[in-house]
């Protein structure tokens, strides 16, 4: 699914950037351009980034608290 229409960034793109080593929303934004134009996608992009980083760090373990 497209997260950022302005820059054509999908959820898969965000997950790939995290898999390649990005560990923060700032790093994802710098590498993809997501939320750098109109910014309407920032909340969704941050959420996907958080989930992808947690998955990279902790695997598929179900966390009961926010990371």
PDB file of N, CA and C in Angstrom:
ATOM      1  N   UNK A   1       0.847  -1.164   0.000  1.00  0.00           N
ATOM      2  CA  UNK A   1       0.000   0.000   0.000  1.00  0.00           C
ATOM      3  C   UNK A   1       0.895   1.231   0.000  1.00  0.00           C
ATOM      4  N   UNK A   2       0.454   2.254  -0.711  1.00  0.00           N
ATOM      5  CA  UNK A   2       1.204   3.508  -0.708  1.00  0.00           C
ATOM      6  C   UNK A   2       0.950   4.255   0.592  1.00  0.00           C
ATOM      7  N   UNK A   3       2.017   4.665   1.230  1.00  0.00           N
ATOM      8  CA  UNK A   3       1.946   5.462   2.448  1.00  0.00           C
ATOM      9  C   UNK A   3       2.045   6.935   2.069  1.00  0.00           C
ATOM     10  N   UNK A   4       3.003   7.255   1.214  1.00  0.00           N
ATOM     11  CA  UNK A   4       3.242   8.634   0.785  1.00  0.00           C
ATOM     12  C   UNK A   4       2.994   8.733  -0.717  1.00  0.00           C
ATOM     13  N   UNK A   5       1.912   9.375  -1.080  1.00  0.00           N
ATOM     14  CA  UNK A   5       1.591   9.534  -2.494  1.00  0.00           C
ATOM     15  C   UNK A   5       2.510  10.546  -3.162  1.00  0.00           C
ATOM     16  N   UNK A   6       2.903  11.580  -2.436  1.00  0.00           N
ATOM     17  CA  UNK A   6       3.747  12.626  -3.018  1.00  0.00           C
ATOM     18  C   UNK A   6       5.082  12.070  -3.506  1.00  0.00           C
ATOM     19  N   UNK A   7       5.672  11.170  -2.722  1.00  0.00           N
ATOM     20  CA  UNK A   7       6.989  10.622  -3.043  1.00  0.00           C
ATOM     21  C   UNK A   7       6.940   9.159  -3.482  1.00  0.00           C
ATOM     22  N   UNK A   8       5.724   8.615  -3.593  1.00  0.00           N
ATOM     23  CA  UNK A   8       5.521   7.229  -4.024  1.00  0.00           C
ATOM     24  C   UNK A   8       6.265   6.221  -3.134  1.00  0.00           C
ATOM     25  N   UNK A   9       6.057   6.339  -1.837  1.00  0.00           N
ATOM     26  CA  UNK A   9       6.686   5.441  -0.867  1.00  0.00           C
ATOM     27  C   UNK A   9       5.624   4.481  -0.350  1.00  0.00           C
ATOM     28  N   UNK A  10       5.916   3.189  -0.430  1.00  0.00           N
ATOM     29  CA  UNK A  10       4.973   2.181   0.043  1.00  0.00           C
ATOM     30  C   UNK A  10       5.406   1.641   1.402  1.00  0.00           C
ATOM     31  N   UNK A  11       4.523   0.890   2.030  1.00  0.00           N
ATOM     32  CA  UNK A  11       4.869   0.249   3.298  1.00  0.00           C
ATOM     33  C   UNK A  11       6.012  -0.739   3.096  1.00  0.00           C
ATOM     34  N   UNK A  12       6.034  -1.400   1.952  1.00  0.00           N
ATOM     35  CA  UNK A  12       7.132  -2.330   1.663  1.00  0.00           C
ATOM     36  C   UNK A  12       8.464  -1.602   1.559  1.00  0.00           C
ATOM     37  N   UNK A  13       8.460  -0.417   0.984  1.00  0.00           N
ATOM     38  CA  UNK A  13       9.690   0.376   0.885  1.00  0.00           C
ATOM     39  C   UNK A  13      10.210   0.716   2.272  1.00  0.00           C
ATOM     40  N   UNK A  14       9.325   1.129   3.160  1.00  0.00           N
ATOM     41  CA  UNK A  14       9.725   1.457   4.531  1.00  0.00           C
ATOM     42  C   UNK A  14      10.298   0.214   5.212  1.00  0.00           C
ATOM     43  N   UNK A  15       9.641  -0.916   5.052  1.00  0.00           N
ATOM     44  CA  UNK A  15      10.126  -2.150   5.658  1.00  0.00           C
ATOM     45  C   UNK A  15      11.485  -2.550   5.104  1.00  0.00           C
ATOM     46  N   UNK A  16      11.722  -2.345   3.814  1.00  0.00           N
ATOM     47  CA  UNK A  16      13.014  -2.661   3.209  1.00  0.00           C
ATOM     48  C   UNK A  16      14.115  -1.755   3.754  1.00  0.00           C
ATOM     49  N   UNK A  17      13.816  -0.471   3.903  1.00  0.00           N
ATOM     50  CA  UNK A  17      14.802   0.465   4.435  1.00  0.00           C
ATOM     51  C   UNK A  17      15.180   0.082   5.860  1.00  0.00           C
ATOM     52  N   UNK A  18      14.203  -0.322   6.650  1.00  0.00           N
ATOM     53  CA  UNK A  18      14.477  -0.767   8.019  1.00  0.00           C
ATOM     54  C   UNK A  18      15.304  -2.062   7.991  1.00  0.00           C
ATOM     55  N   UNK A  19      14.965  -2.975   7.107  1.00  0.00           N
ATOM     56  CA  UNK A  19      15.723  -4.222   6.987  1.00  0.00           C
ATOM     57  C   UNK A  19      17.177  -3.953   6.588  1.00  0.00           C
ATOM     58  N   UNK A  20      17.406  -2.855   5.878  1.00  0.00           N
ATOM     59  CA  UNK A  20      18.756  -2.493   5.453  1.00  0.00           C
ATOM     60  C   UNK A  20      19.513  -1.689   6.510  1.00  0.00           C
ATOM     61  N   UNK A  21      18.874  -1.441   7.666  1.00  0.00           N
ATOM     62  CA  UNK A  21      19.601  -0.821   8.758  1.00  0.00           C
ATOM     63  C   UNK A  21      19.035   0.433   9.374  1.00  0.00           C
ATOM     64  N   UNK A  22      18.027   1.042   8.778  1.00  0.00           N
ATOM     65  CA  UNK A  22      17.429   2.241   9.372  1.00  0.00           C
ATOM     66  C   UNK A  22      16.756   1.856  10.686  1.00  0.00           C
ATOM     67  N   UNK A  23      16.949   2.660  11.720  1.00  0.00           N
ATOM     68  CA  UNK A  23      16.382   2.338  13.026  1.00  0.00           C
ATOM     69  C   UNK A  23      15.564   3.469  13.627  1.00  0.00           C
ATOM     70  N   UNK A  24      15.290   4.509  12.821  1.00  0.00           N
ATOM     71  CA  UNK A  24      14.479   5.612  13.332  1.00  0.00           C
ATOM     72  C   UNK A  24      13.655   6.194  12.192  1.00  0.00           C
ATOM     73  N   UNK A  25      12.612   6.938  12.573  1.00  0.00           N
ATOM     74  CA  UNK A  25      11.772   7.591  11.592  1.00  0.00           C
ATOM     75  C   UNK A  25      12.598   8.593  10.787  1.00  0.00           C
ATOM     76  N   UNK A  26      13.521   9.275  11.448  1.00  0.00           N
ATOM     77  CA  UNK A  26      14.372  10.242  10.758  1.00  0.00           C
ATOM     78  C   UNK A  26      15.171   9.572   9.641  1.00  0.00           C
ATOM     79  N   UNK A  27      15.759   8.416   9.929  1.00  0.00           N
ATOM     80  CA  UNK A  27      16.536   7.693   8.916  1.00  0.00           C
ATOM     81  C   UNK A  27      15.652   7.237   7.761  1.00  0.00           C
ATOM     82  N   UNK A  28      14.467   6.735   8.084  1.00  0.00           N
ATOM     83  CA  UNK A  28      13.535   6.294   7.037  1.00  0.00           C
ATOM     84  C   UNK A  28      13.128   7.477   6.171  1.00  0.00           C
ATOM     85  N   UNK A  29      12.809   8.581   6.805  1.00  0.00           N
ATOM     86  CA  UNK A  29      12.391   9.780   6.068  1.00  0.00           C
ATOM     87  C   UNK A  29      13.513  10.284   5.165  1.00  0.00           C
ATOM     88  N   UNK A  30      14.747  10.291   5.657  1.00  0.00           N
ATOM     89  CA  UNK A  30      15.876  10.755   4.850  1.00  0.00           C
ATOM     90  C   UNK A  30      16.130   9.851   3.644  1.00  0.00           C
ATOM     91  N   UNK A  31      15.967   8.548   3.834  1.00  0.00           N
ATOM     92  CA  UNK A  31      16.257   7.598   2.763  1.00  0.00           C
ATOM     93  C   UNK A  31      15.132   7.461   1.747  1.00  0.00           C
ATOM     94  N   UNK A  32      13.898   7.713   2.170  1.00  0.00           N
ATOM     95  CA  UNK A  32      12.765   7.512   1.255  1.00  0.00           C
ATOM     96  C   UNK A  32      12.131   8.808   0.772  1.00  0.00           C
ATOM     97  N   UNK A  33      12.275   9.864   1.528  1.00  0.00           N
ATOM     98  CA  UNK A  33      11.593  11.111   1.202  1.00  0.00           C
ATOM     99  C   UNK A  33      10.169  11.154   1.721  1.00  0.00           C
ATOM    100  N   UNK A  34       9.759  10.119   2.410  1.00  0.00           N
ATOM    101  CA  UNK A  34       8.405  10.033   2.949  1.00  0.00           C
ATOM    102  C   UNK A  34       8.152  11.188   3.916  1.00  0.00           C
ATOM    103  N   UNK A  35       7.010  11.846   3.765  1.00  0.00           N
ATOM    104  CA  UNK A  35       6.554  12.943   4.630  1.00  0.00           C
ATOM    105  C   UNK A  35       7.394  14.202   4.514  1.00  0.00           C
ATOM    106  N   UNK A  36       8.126  14.347   3.423  1.00  0.00           N
ATOM    107  CA  UNK A  36       8.935  15.558   3.255  1.00  0.00           C
ATOM    108  C   UNK A  36       8.254  16.605   2.386  1.00  0.00           C
ATOM    109  N   UNK A  37       7.101  16.272   1.843  1.00  0.00           N
ATOM    110  CA  UNK A  37       6.411  17.258   1.001  1.00  0.00           C
ATOM    111  C   UNK A  37       5.186  17.803   1.735  1.00  0.00           C
ATOM    112  N   UNK A  38       4.074  17.112   1.715  1.00  0.00           N
ATOM    113  CA  UNK A  38       2.876  17.646   2.378  1.00  0.00           C
ATOM    114  C   UNK A  38       2.782  17.199   3.841  1.00  0.00           C
ATOM    115  N   UNK A  39       3.371  16.055   4.187  1.00  0.00           N
ATOM    116  CA  UNK A  39       3.414  15.599   5.567  1.00  0.00           C
ATOM    117  C   UNK A  39       2.200  14.849   6.069  1.00  0.00           C
ATOM    118  N   UNK A  40       1.176  14.661   5.241  1.00  0.00           N
ATOM    119  CA  UNK A  40      -0.041  13.987   5.691  1.00  0.00           C
ATOM    120  C   UNK A  40       0.186  12.513   6.027  1.00  0.00           C
ATOM    121  N   UNK A  41       1.257  11.938   5.517  1.00  0.00           N
ATOM    122  CA  UNK A  41       1.523  10.518   5.711  1.00  0.00           C
ATOM    123  C   UNK A  41       2.413  10.235   6.924  1.00  0.00           C
ATOM    124  N   UNK A  42       2.842  11.263   7.637  1.00  0.00           N
ATOM    125  CA  UNK A  42       3.813  11.096   8.711  1.00  0.00           C
ATOM    126  C   UNK A  42       3.347  10.120   9.791  1.00  0.00           C
ATOM    127  N   UNK A  43       2.116  10.218  10.234  1.00  0.00           N
ATOM    128  CA  UNK A  43       1.631   9.331  11.310  1.00  0.00           C
ATOM    129  C   UNK A  43       1.664   7.865  10.892  1.00  0.00           C
ATOM    130  N   UNK A  44       1.189   7.597   9.692  1.00  0.00           N
ATOM    131  CA  UNK A  44       1.181   6.214   9.199  1.00  0.00           C
ATOM    132  C   UNK A  44       2.607   5.737   8.970  1.00  0.00           C
ATOM    133  N   UNK A  45       3.449   6.592   8.407  1.00  0.00           N
ATOM    134  CA  UNK A  45       4.843   6.230   8.170  1.00  0.00           C
ATOM    135  C   UNK A  45       5.582   5.917   9.455  1.00  0.00           C
ATOM    136  N   UNK A  46       5.364   6.718  10.482  1.00  0.00           N
ATOM    137  CA  UNK A  46       5.994   6.475  11.785  1.00  0.00           C
ATOM    138  C   UNK A  46       5.532   5.151  12.365  1.00  0.00           C
ATOM    139  N   UNK A  47       4.250   4.883  12.263  1.00  0.00           N
ATOM    140  CA  UNK A  47       3.689   3.646  12.793  1.00  0.00           C
ATOM    141  C   UNK A  47       4.295   2.423  12.098  1.00  0.00           C
ATOM    142  N   UNK A  48       4.373   2.470  10.781  1.00  0.00           N
ATOM    143  CA  UNK A  48       4.954   1.352  10.028  1.00  0.00           C
ATOM    144  C   UNK A  48       6.427   1.205  10.373  1.00  0.00           C
ATOM    145  N   UNK A  49       7.121   2.322  10.526  1.00  0.00           N
ATOM    146  CA  UNK A  49       8.533   2.277  10.906  1.00  0.00           C
ATOM    147  C   UNK A  49       8.702   1.630  12.269  1.00  0.00           C
ATOM    148  N   UNK A  50       7.885   2.036  13.239  1.00  0.00           N
ATOM    149  CA  UNK A  50       7.951   1.467  14.590  1.00  0.00           C
ATOM    150  C   UNK A  50       7.766  -0.050  14.559  1.00  0.00           C
ATOM    151  N   UNK A  51       6.755  -0.492  13.821  1.00  0.00           N
ATOM    152  CA  UNK A  51       6.478  -1.926  13.725  1.00  0.00           C
ATOM    153  C   UNK A  51       7.623  -2.669  13.041  1.00  0.00           C
ATOM    154  N   UNK A  52       8.170  -2.094  11.984  1.00  0.00           N
ATOM    155  CA  UNK A  52       9.250  -2.741  11.243  1.00  0.00           C
ATOM    156  C   UNK A  52      10.519  -2.824  12.081  1.00  0.00           C
ATOM    157  N   UNK A  53      10.830  -1.773  12.841  1.00  0.00           N
ATOM    158  CA  UNK A  53      12.017  -1.786  13.704  1.00  0.00           C
ATOM    159  C   UNK A  53      11.838  -2.824  14.803  1.00  0.00           C
ATOM    160  N   UNK A  54      10.671  -2.875  15.412  1.00  0.00           N
ATOM    161  CA  UNK A  54      10.409  -3.872  16.455  1.00  0.00           C
ATOM    162  C   UNK A  54      10.564  -5.281  15.897  1.00  0.00           C
ATOM    163  N   UNK A  55      10.063  -5.503  14.701  1.00  0.00           N
ATOM    164  CA  UNK A  55      10.170  -6.821  14.081  1.00  0.00           C
ATOM    165  C   UNK A  55      11.633  -7.169  13.806  1.00  0.00           C
ATOM    166  N   UNK A  56      12.421  -6.200  13.343  1.00  0.00           N
ATOM    167  CA  UNK A  56      13.838  -6.439  13.083  1.00  0.00           C
ATOM    168  C   UNK A  56      14.598  -6.733  14.374  1.00  0.00           C
ATOM    169  N   UNK A  57      14.289  -6.006  15.437  1.00  0.00           N
ATOM    170  CA  UNK A  57      15.016  -6.156  16.686  1.00  0.00           C
ATOM    171  C   UNK A  57      14.578  -7.363  17.507  1.00  0.00           C
ATOM    172  N   UNK A  58      13.283  -7.647  17.490  1.00  0.00           N
ATOM    173  CA  UNK A  58      12.740  -8.676  18.365  1.00  0.00           C
ATOM    174  C   UNK A  58      12.094  -9.841  17.627  1.00  0.00           C
ATOM    175  N   UNK A  59      12.182  -9.863  16.318  1.00  0.00           N
ATOM    176  CA  UNK A  59      11.544 -10.922  15.552  1.00  0.00           C
ATOM    177  C   UNK A  59      10.042 -10.749  15.567  1.00  0.00           C
ATOM    178  N   UNK A  60       9.329 -11.839  15.534  1.00  0.00           N
ATOM    179  CA  UNK A  60       7.868 -11.785  15.524  1.00  0.00           C
ATOM    180  C   UNK A  60       7.276 -11.884  16.924  1.00  0.00           C
ATOM    181  N   UNK A  61       8.074 -11.634  17.951  1.00  0.00           N
ATOM    182  CA  UNK A  61       7.566 -11.699  19.318  1.00  0.00           C
ATOM    183  C   UNK A  61       6.483 -10.650  19.503  1.00  0.00           C
ATOM    184  N   UNK A  62       5.398 -11.019  20.127  1.00  0.00           N
ATOM    185  CA  UNK A  62       4.300 -10.108  20.361  1.00  0.00           C
ATOM    186  C   UNK A  62       4.618  -9.264  21.596  1.00  0.00           C
ATOM    187  N   UNK A  63       4.847  -7.986  21.406  1.00  0.00           N
ATOM    188  CA  UNK A  63       5.186  -7.102  22.505  1.00  0.00           C
ATOM    189  C   UNK A  63       3.930  -6.519  23.107  1.00  0.00           C
ATOM    190  N   UNK A  64       3.899  -6.446  24.427  1.00  0.00           N
ATOM    191  CA  UNK A  64       2.719  -5.915  25.087  1.00  0.00           C
ATOM    192  C   UNK A  64       2.879  -4.440  25.411  1.00  0.00           C
ATOM    193  N   UNK A  65       3.962  -3.821  24.970  1.00  0.00           N
ATOM    194  CA  UNK A  65       4.162  -2.410  25.206  1.00  0.00           C
ATOM    195  C   UNK A  65       4.748  -1.769  23.938  1.00  0.00           C
ATOM    196  N   UNK A  66       4.617  -0.453  23.852  1.00  0.00           N
ATOM    197  CA  UNK A  66       5.102   0.272  22.677  1.00  0.00           C
ATOM    198  C   UNK A  66       6.623   0.359  22.701  1.00  0.00           C
ATOM    199  N   UNK A  67       7.201   0.267  21.523  1.00  0.00           N
ATOM    200  CA  UNK A  67       8.664   0.378  21.408  1.00  0.00           C
ATOM    201  C   UNK A  67       9.006   1.747  20.913  1.00  0.00           C
TER     202      UNK A  67
END
